[in-house]
Each structure stands twice: as structure tokens, then as C-alpha cells.
Amino acid sequence: VAAVTEKDFQFDPPTITVAAGTKVVWTNQGPTIHTVADRAGAWGSAVLHPCDSFSHVFTPPGTYPSHCTLHALMDGTVILT
């Protein structure tokens, strides 16, 4: 399992590199609601309130750009090896 935090209108870390088949968990650790979604629209969370989490298992290897659908400047990337 790999973890990404959503806080202060950013993903931390903004880019994460993991092996194919890894579950990535995003947790909203700030006071503002957020989401996380694939830029291609293949997957995405519902609204994440403070302390809420969303997870996704990634396959196959590649680069997966993501973003918060509520905050245009929140970008992230998952790289699968």
C-alpha cells in the first residue's frame, strides 16, 4: 500500500512511483473537501471530507496523471513500474 495526502490544496507527494498491482490510498488531511480522479476519467473518488480516504489498485505499468476535480491546480501523478 502506498499513501498520498491531500492537504493545503496539494497532493503529498505530488508524484508517487509504485509497482503495478499496488494499492494507492489518498487521505484528505486538511479542512477542505477534495476529490482524486484520473485525468482520462477511468476512475475517481466521491467527495472526500476531512479524514476520508479513497483507494485504487493500479495495473498495468504506465503513468497515470490525476487531479482534484474541485480544485484545478491540484495535480498528481502515479507512475507504475
PDB file of N, CA and C in Angstrom:
ATOM      1  N   VAL A   1       0.854  -1.186   0.000  1.00  0.00           N
ATOM      2  CA  VAL A   1       0.000   0.000   0.000  1.00  0.00           C
ATOM      3  C   VAL A   1       0.890   1.236   0.000  1.00  0.00           C
ATOM      4  N   ALA A   2       0.536   2.206  -0.836  1.00  0.00           N
ATOM      5  CA  ALA A   2       1.251   3.482  -0.901  1.00  0.00           C
ATOM      6  C   ALA A   2       0.275   4.583  -0.513  1.00  0.00           C
ATOM      7  N   ALA A   3       0.765   5.610   0.184  1.00  0.00           N
ATOM      8  CA  ALA A   3      -0.115   6.655   0.710  1.00  0.00           C
ATOM      9  C   ALA A   3       0.193   8.017   0.099  1.00  0.00           C
ATOM     10  N   VAL A   4      -0.890   8.744  -0.187  1.00  0.00           N
ATOM     11  CA  VAL A   4      -0.801  10.131  -0.658  1.00  0.00           C
ATOM     12  C   VAL A   4      -1.738  10.946   0.222  1.00  0.00           C
ATOM     13  N   THR A   5      -1.283  12.096   0.663  1.00  0.00           N
ATOM     14  CA  THR A   5      -2.071  13.003   1.489  1.00  0.00           C
ATOM     15  C   THR A   5      -2.604  14.144   0.634  1.00  0.00           C
ATOM     16  N   GLU A   6      -3.849  14.530   0.893  1.00  0.00           N
ATOM     17  CA  GLU A   6      -4.420  15.733   0.291  1.00  0.00           C
ATOM     18  C   GLU A   6      -4.547  16.767   1.406  1.00  0.00           C
ATOM     19  N   LYS A   7      -3.815  17.865   1.263  1.00  0.00           N
ATOM     20  CA  LYS A   7      -3.821  18.903   2.298  1.00  0.00           C
ATOM     21  C   LYS A   7      -3.252  20.175   1.696  1.00  0.00           C
ATOM     22  N   ASP A   8      -3.789  21.305   2.127  1.00  0.00           N
ATOM     23  CA  ASP A   8      -3.296  22.611   1.669  1.00  0.00           C
ATOM     24  C   ASP A   8      -3.325  22.720   0.142  1.00  0.00           C
ATOM     25  N   PHE A   9      -4.362  22.137  -0.483  1.00  0.00           N
ATOM     26  CA  PHE A   9      -4.577  22.208  -1.923  1.00  0.00           C
ATOM     27  C   PHE A   9      -3.428  21.621  -2.731  1.00  0.00           C
ATOM     28  N   GLN A  10      -2.877  20.499  -2.213  1.00  0.00           N
ATOM     29  CA  GLN A  10      -1.852  19.776  -2.953  1.00  0.00           C
ATOM     30  C   GLN A  10      -1.845  18.306  -2.556  1.00  0.00           C
ATOM     31  N   PHE A  11      -1.309  17.482  -3.434  1.00  0.00           N
ATOM     32  CA  PHE A  11      -1.075  16.077  -3.135  1.00  0.00           C
ATOM     33  C   PHE A  11       0.339  15.953  -2.603  1.00  0.00           C
ATOM     34  N   ASP A  12       0.519  15.153  -1.572  1.00  0.00           N
ATOM     35  CA  ASP A  12       1.836  14.954  -0.972  1.00  0.00           C
ATOM     36  C   ASP A  12       2.088  13.468  -0.798  1.00  0.00           C
ATOM     37  N   PRO A  13       2.981  12.884  -1.579  1.00  0.00           N
ATOM     38  CA  PRO A  13       3.808  13.520  -2.593  1.00  0.00           C
ATOM     39  C   PRO A  13       3.008  13.767  -3.870  1.00  0.00           C
ATOM     40  N   PRO A  14       3.437  14.735  -4.683  1.00  0.00           N
ATOM     41  CA  PRO A  14       2.704  15.015  -5.923  1.00  0.00           C
ATOM     42  C   PRO A  14       2.877  13.906  -6.965  1.00  0.00           C
ATOM     43  N   THR A  15       4.013  13.227  -6.927  1.00  0.00           N
ATOM     44  CA  THR A  15       4.276  12.095  -7.814  1.00  0.00           C
ATOM     45  C   THR A  15       4.715  10.919  -6.963  1.00  0.00           C
ATOM     46  N   ILE A  16       4.119   9.759  -7.244  1.00  0.00           N
ATOM     47  CA  ILE A  16       4.463   8.555  -6.498  1.00  0.00           C
ATOM     48  C   ILE A  16       4.768   7.454  -7.502  1.00  0.00           C
ATOM     49  N   THR A  17       5.833   6.704  -7.259  1.00  0.00           N
ATOM     50  CA  THR A  17       6.222   5.594  -8.127  1.00  0.00           C
ATOM     51  C   THR A  17       6.054   4.298  -7.350  1.00  0.00           C
ATOM     52  N   VAL A  18       5.261   3.383  -7.916  1.00  0.00           N
ATOM     53  CA  VAL A  18       4.960   2.119  -7.239  1.00  0.00           C
ATOM     54  C   VAL A  18       4.959   0.985  -8.268  1.00  0.00           C
ATOM     55  N   ALA A  19       5.010  -0.233  -7.780  1.00  0.00           N
ATOM     56  CA  ALA A  19       4.936  -1.408  -8.642  1.00  0.00           C
ATOM     57  C   ALA A  19       3.496  -1.636  -9.090  1.00  0.00           C
ATOM     58  N   ALA A  20       3.336  -2.152 -10.292  1.00  0.00           N
ATOM     59  CA  ALA A  20       1.997  -2.497 -10.786  1.00  0.00           C
ATOM     60  C   ALA A  20       1.329  -3.438  -9.795  1.00  0.00           C
ATOM     61  N   GLY A  21       0.035  -3.237  -9.557  1.00  0.00           N
ATOM     62  CA  GLY A  21      -0.713  -4.036  -8.594  1.00  0.00           C
ATOM     63  C   GLY A  21      -0.752  -3.449  -7.204  1.00  0.00           C
ATOM     64  N   THR A  22      -0.091  -2.307  -6.998  1.00  0.00           N
ATOM     65  CA  THR A  22      -0.063  -1.658  -5.691  1.00  0.00           C
ATOM     66  C   THR A  22      -1.339  -0.862  -5.465  1.00  0.00           C
ATOM     67  N   LYS A  23      -1.858  -0.923  -4.251  1.00  0.00           N
ATOM     68  CA  LYS A  23      -2.993  -0.089  -3.867  1.00  0.00           C
ATOM     69  C   LYS A  23      -2.459   1.258  -3.396  1.00  0.00           C
ATOM     70  N   VAL A  24      -2.987   2.330  -3.980  1.00  0.00           N
ATOM     71  CA  VAL A  24      -2.640   3.684  -3.557  1.00  0.00           C
ATOM     72  C   VAL A  24      -3.837   4.240  -2.794  1.00  0.00           C
ATOM     73  N   VAL A  25      -3.569   4.801  -1.614  1.00  0.00           N
ATOM     74  CA  VAL A  25      -4.620   5.364  -0.767  1.00  0.00           C
ATOM     75  C   VAL A  25      -4.381   6.864  -0.627  1.00  0.00           C
ATOM     76  N   TRP A  26      -5.397   7.657  -0.997  1.00  0.00           N
ATOM     77  CA  TRP A  26      -5.374   9.104  -0.802  1.00  0.00           C
ATOM     78  C   TRP A  26      -6.212   9.415   0.422  1.00  0.00           C
ATOM     79  N   THR A  27      -5.676  10.228   1.325  1.00  0.00           N
ATOM     80  CA  THR A  27      -6.400  10.616   2.532  1.00  0.00           C
ATOM     81  C   THR A  27      -6.428  12.132   2.623  1.00  0.00           C
ATOM     82  N   ASN A  28      -7.632  12.680   2.820  1.00  0.00           N
ATOM     83  CA  ASN A  28      -7.789  14.118   2.979  1.00  0.00           C
ATOM     84  C   ASN A  28      -7.444  14.478   4.421  1.00  0.00           C
ATOM     85  N   GLN A  29      -6.319  15.144   4.605  1.00  0.00           N
ATOM     86  CA  GLN A  29      -5.885  15.525   5.946  1.00  0.00           C
ATOM     87  C   GLN A  29      -6.005  17.025   6.191  1.00  0.00           C
ATOM     88  N   GLY A  30      -6.764  17.695   5.349  1.00  0.00           N
ATOM     89  CA  GLY A  30      -6.971  19.126   5.521  1.00  0.00           C
ATOM     90  C   GLY A  30      -8.410  19.440   5.864  1.00  0.00           C
ATOM     91  N   PRO A  31      -8.732  20.714   6.040  1.00  0.00           N
ATOM     92  CA  PRO A  31     -10.084  21.122   6.421  1.00  0.00           C
ATOM     93  C   PRO A  31     -11.046  21.304   5.242  1.00  0.00           C
ATOM     94  N   THR A  32     -10.537  21.201   4.000  1.00  0.00           N
ATOM     95  CA  THR A  32     -11.335  21.460   2.801  1.00  0.00           C
ATOM     96  C   THR A  32     -11.676  20.146   2.102  1.00  0.00           C
ATOM     97  N   ILE A  33     -12.862  20.048   1.495  1.00  0.00           N
ATOM     98  CA  ILE A  33     -13.203  18.854   0.737  1.00  0.00           C
ATOM     99  C   ILE A  33     -12.368  18.774  -0.536  1.00  0.00           C
ATOM    100  N   HIS A  34     -12.069  17.545  -0.969  1.00  0.00           N
ATOM    101  CA  HIS A  34     -11.296  17.298  -2.179  1.00  0.00           C
ATOM    102  C   HIS A  34     -11.836  16.050  -2.864  1.00  0.00           C
ATOM    103  N   THR A  35     -11.315  15.769  -4.046  1.00  0.00           N
ATOM    104  CA  THR A  35     -11.525  14.507  -4.742  1.00  0.00           C
ATOM    105  C   THR A  35     -10.171  14.078  -5.289  1.00  0.00           C
ATOM    106  N   VAL A  36     -10.118  12.902  -5.875  1.00  0.00           N
ATOM    107  CA  VAL A  36      -8.975  12.491  -6.689  1.00  0.00           C
ATOM    108  C   VAL A  36      -9.550  11.685  -7.837  1.00  0.00           C
ATOM    109  N   ALA A  37      -9.077  11.979  -9.046  1.00  0.00           N
ATOM    110  CA  ALA A  37      -9.599  11.316 -10.236  1.00  0.00           C
ATOM    111  C   ALA A  37      -8.527  11.237 -11.310  1.00  0.00           C
ATOM    112  N   ASP A  38      -8.631  10.200 -12.107  1.00  0.00           N
ATOM    113  CA  ASP A  38      -7.775  10.009 -13.259  1.00  0.00           C
ATOM    114  C   ASP A  38      -8.123  11.061 -14.309  1.00  0.00           C
ATOM    115  N   ARG A  39      -7.128  11.688 -14.911  1.00  0.00           N
ATOM    116  CA  ARG A  39      -7.371  12.700 -15.947  1.00  0.00           C
ATOM    117  C   ARG A  39      -8.114  12.111 -17.144  1.00  0.00           C
ATOM    118  N   ALA A  40      -7.957  10.795 -17.380  1.00  0.00           N
ATOM    119  CA  ALA A  40      -8.629  10.142 -18.502  1.00  0.00           C
ATOM    120  C   ALA A  40     -10.062   9.730 -18.148  1.00  0.00           C
ATOM    121  N   GLY A  41     -10.440   9.871 -16.892  1.00  0.00           N
ATOM    122  CA  GLY A  41     -11.798   9.542 -16.469  1.00  0.00           C
ATOM    123  C   GLY A  41     -12.048   8.074 -16.175  1.00  0.00           C
ATOM    124  N   ALA A  42     -10.996   7.275 -16.056  1.00  0.00           N
ATOM    125  CA  ALA A  42     -11.150   5.837 -15.821  1.00  0.00           C
ATOM    126  C   ALA A  42     -11.553   5.500 -14.385  1.00  0.00           C
ATOM    127  N   TRP A  43     -11.189   6.342 -13.427  1.00  0.00           N
ATOM    128  CA  TRP A  43     -11.518   6.098 -12.016  1.00  0.00           C
ATOM    129  C   TRP A  43     -11.561   7.436 -11.296  1.00  0.00           C
ATOM    130  N   GLY A  44     -12.189   7.458 -10.142  1.00  0.00           N
ATOM    131  CA  GLY A  44     -12.243   8.678  -9.355  1.00  0.00           C
ATOM    132  C   GLY A  44     -13.008   8.479  -8.064  1.00  0.00           C
ATOM    133  N   SER A  45     -12.742   9.338  -7.127  1.00  0.00           N
ATOM    134  CA  SER A  45     -13.388   9.268  -5.817  1.00  0.00           C
ATOM    135  C   SER A  45     -14.647  10.122  -5.795  1.00  0.00           C
ATOM    136  N   ALA A  46     -15.454   9.874  -4.797  1.00  0.00           N
ATOM    137  CA  ALA A  46     -16.515  10.808  -4.427  1.00  0.00           C
ATOM    138  C   ALA A  46     -15.836  11.956  -3.676  1.00  0.00           C
ATOM    139  N   VAL A  47     -16.598  12.903  -3.217  1.00  0.00           N
ATOM    140  CA  VAL A  47     -16.044  13.991  -2.413  1.00  0.00           C
ATOM    141  C   VAL A  47     -15.442  13.406  -1.136  1.00  0.00           C
ATOM    142  N   LEU A  48     -14.209  13.799  -0.855  1.00  0.00           N
ATOM    143  CA  LEU A  48     -13.517  13.355   0.357  1.00  0.00           C
ATOM    144  C   LEU A  48     -13.558  14.479   1.379  1.00  0.00           C
ATOM    145  N   HIS A  49     -14.306  14.263   2.428  1.00  0.00           N
ATOM    146  CA  HIS A  49     -14.347  15.211   3.540  1.00  0.00           C
ATOM    147  C   HIS A  49     -13.100  15.016   4.386  1.00  0.00           C
ATOM    148  N   PRO A  50     -12.779  15.933   5.296  1.00  0.00           N
ATOM    149  CA  PRO A  50     -11.618  15.750   6.154  1.00  0.00           C
ATOM    150  C   PRO A  50     -11.620  14.364   6.800  1.00  0.00           C
ATOM    151  N   CYS A  51     -10.476  13.701   6.732  1.00  0.00           N
ATOM    152  CA  CYS A  51     -10.213  12.359   7.274  1.00  0.00           C
ATOM    153  C   CYS A  51     -10.746  11.228   6.399  1.00  0.00           C
ATOM    154  N   ASP A  52     -11.457  11.513   5.306  1.00  0.00           N
ATOM    155  CA  ASP A  52     -11.914  10.467   4.387  1.00  0.00           C
ATOM    156  C   ASP A  52     -10.756   9.989   3.516  1.00  0.00           C
ATOM    157  N   SER A  53     -10.866   8.730   3.053  1.00  0.00           N
ATOM    158  CA  SER A  53      -9.854   8.142   2.183  1.00  0.00           C
ATOM    159  C   SER A  53     -10.501   7.505   0.961  1.00  0.00           C
ATOM    160  N   PHE A  54      -9.703   7.349  -0.073  1.00  0.00           N
ATOM    161  CA  PHE A  54     -10.094   6.649  -1.298  1.00  0.00           C
ATOM    162  C   PHE A  54      -8.898   5.836  -1.740  1.00  0.00           C
ATOM    163  N   SER A  55      -9.142   4.618  -2.241  1.00  0.00           N
ATOM    164  CA  SER A  55      -8.030   3.801  -2.723  1.00  0.00           C
ATOM    165  C   SER A  55      -8.320   3.273  -4.117  1.00  0.00           C
ATOM    166  N   HIS A  56      -7.238   2.981  -4.837  1.00  0.00           N
ATOM    167  CA  HIS A  56      -7.335   2.414  -6.180  1.00  0.00           C
ATOM    168  C   HIS A  56      -6.115   1.525  -6.397  1.00  0.00           C
ATOM    169  N   VAL A  57      -6.337   0.348  -6.985  1.00  0.00           N
ATOM    170  CA  VAL A  57      -5.247  -0.558  -7.334  1.00  0.00           C
ATOM    171  C   VAL A  57      -4.915  -0.326  -8.808  1.00  0.00           C
ATOM    172  N   PHE A  58      -3.642  -0.084  -9.093  1.00  0.00           N
ATOM    173  CA  PHE A  58      -3.207   0.273 -10.432  1.00  0.00           C
ATOM    174  C   PHE A  58      -2.583  -0.899 -11.176  1.00  0.00           C
ATOM    175  N   THR A  59      -3.039  -1.127 -12.403  1.00  0.00           N
ATOM    176  CA  THR A  59      -2.448  -2.046 -13.371  1.00  0.00           C
ATOM    177  C   THR A  59      -2.886  -1.537 -14.740  1.00  0.00           C
ATOM    178  N   PRO A  60      -2.201  -1.661 -15.770  1.00  0.00           N
ATOM    179  CA  PRO A  60      -0.836  -2.126 -15.957  1.00  0.00           C
ATOM    180  C   PRO A  60       0.177  -1.000 -15.758  1.00  0.00           C
ATOM    181  N   PRO A  61       1.485  -1.303 -15.925  1.00  0.00           N
ATOM    182  CA  PRO A  61       2.502  -0.258 -15.791  1.00  0.00           C
ATOM    183  C   PRO A  61       2.229   0.920 -16.736  1.00  0.00           C
ATOM    184  N   GLY A  62       2.603   2.101 -16.277  1.00  0.00           N
ATOM    185  CA  GLY A  62       2.420   3.313 -17.071  1.00  0.00           C
ATOM    186  C   GLY A  62       2.396   4.529 -16.171  1.00  0.00           C
ATOM    187  N   THR A  63       2.030   5.652 -16.733  1.00  0.00           N
ATOM    188  CA  THR A  63       1.940   6.911 -15.996  1.00  0.00           C
ATOM    189  C   THR A  63       0.487   7.343 -15.972  1.00  0.00           C
ATOM    190  N   TYR A  64      -0.018   7.641 -14.777  1.00  0.00           N
ATOM    191  CA  TYR A  64      -1.418   7.977 -14.568  1.00  0.00           C
ATOM    192  C   TYR A  64      -1.547   9.377 -13.956  1.00  0.00           C
ATOM    193  N   PRO A  65      -1.769  10.414 -14.771  1.00  0.00           N
ATOM    194  CA  PRO A  65      -1.994  11.757 -14.238  1.00  0.00           C
ATOM    195  C   PRO A  65      -3.338  11.805 -13.508  1.00  0.00           C
ATOM    196  N   SER A  66      -3.361  12.500 -12.386  1.00  0.00           N
ATOM    197  CA  SER A  66      -4.595  12.631 -11.603  1.00  0.00           C
ATOM    198  C   SER A  66      -4.764  14.077 -11.170  1.00  0.00           C
ATOM    199  N   HIS A  67      -5.951  14.371 -10.633  1.00  0.00           N
ATOM    200  CA  HIS A  67      -6.220  15.735 -10.190  1.00  0.00           C
ATOM    201  C   HIS A  67      -7.396  15.728  -9.223  1.00  0.00           C
ATOM    202  N   CYS A  68      -7.584  16.851  -8.551  1.00  0.00           N
ATOM    203  CA  CYS A  68      -8.779  17.086  -7.743  1.00  0.00           C
ATOM    204  C   CYS A  68      -9.780  17.774  -8.664  1.00  0.00           C
ATOM    205  N   THR A  69     -10.953  17.181  -8.824  1.00  0.00           N
ATOM    206  CA  THR A  69     -11.948  17.759  -9.732  1.00  0.00           C
ATOM    207  C   THR A  69     -12.545  19.055  -9.198  1.00  0.00           C
ATOM    208  N   LEU A  70     -12.332  19.344  -7.929  1.00  0.00           N
ATOM    209  CA  LEU A  70     -12.867  20.559  -7.319  1.00  0.00           C
ATOM    210  C   LEU A  70     -11.880  21.722  -7.332  1.00  0.00           C
ATOM    211  N   HIS A  71     -10.598  21.411  -7.460  1.00  0.00           N
ATOM    212  CA  HIS A  71      -9.547  22.437  -7.372  1.00  0.00           C
ATOM    213  C   HIS A  71      -8.571  22.234  -8.526  1.00  0.00           C
ATOM    214  N   ALA A  72      -8.687  23.053  -9.542  1.00  0.00           N
ATOM    215  CA  ALA A  72      -7.974  22.875 -10.807  1.00  0.00           C
ATOM    216  C   ALA A  72      -6.457  22.807 -10.682  1.00  0.00           C
ATOM    217  N   LEU A  73      -5.883  23.414  -9.665  1.00  0.00           N
ATOM    218  CA  LEU A  73      -4.426  23.435  -9.543  1.00  0.00           C
ATOM    219  C   LEU A  73      -3.857  22.241  -8.792  1.00  0.00           C
ATOM    220  N   MET A  74      -4.726  21.345  -8.298  1.00  0.00           N
ATOM    221  CA  MET A  74      -4.253  20.150  -7.574  1.00  0.00           C
ATOM    222  C   MET A  74      -4.013  19.027  -8.579  1.00  0.00           C
ATOM    223  N   ASP A  75      -2.749  18.796  -8.897  1.00  0.00           N
ATOM    224  CA  ASP A  75      -2.374  17.741  -9.820  1.00  0.00           C
ATOM    225  C   ASP A  75      -1.469  16.727  -9.135  1.00  0.00           C
ATOM    226  N   GLY A  76      -1.568  15.497  -9.571  1.00  0.00           N
ATOM    227  CA  GLY A  76      -0.697  14.444  -9.074  1.00  0.00           C
ATOM    228  C   GLY A  76      -0.427  13.448 -10.181  1.00  0.00           C
ATOM    229  N   THR A  77       0.514  12.554  -9.920  1.00  0.00           N
ATOM    230  CA  THR A  77       0.862  11.523 -10.896  1.00  0.00           C
ATOM    231  C   THR A  77       1.209  10.229 -10.165  1.00  0.00           C
ATOM    232  N   VAL A  78       0.693   9.120 -10.677  1.00  0.00           N
ATOM    233  CA  VAL A  78       1.091   7.799 -10.208  1.00  0.00           C
ATOM    234  C   VAL A  78       1.842   7.151 -11.348  1.00  0.00           C
ATOM    235  N   ILE A  79       3.071   6.718 -11.073  1.00  0.00           N
ATOM    236  CA  ILE A  79       3.899   6.039 -12.058  1.00  0.00           C
ATOM    237  C   ILE A  79       4.008   4.579 -11.631  1.00  0.00           C
ATOM    238  N   LEU A  80       3.615   3.676 -12.535  1.00  0.00           N
ATOM    239  CA  LEU A  80       3.682   2.240 -12.250  1.00  0.00           C
ATOM    240  C   LEU A  80       4.856   1.637 -12.991  1.00  0.00           C
ATOM    241  N   THR A  81       5.644   0.864 -12.244  1.00  0.00           N
ATOM    242  CA  THR A  81       6.802   0.190 -12.858  1.00  0.00           C
ATOM    243  C   THR A  81       6.497  -1.274 -13.045  1.00  0.00           C
TER     244      THR A  81
END
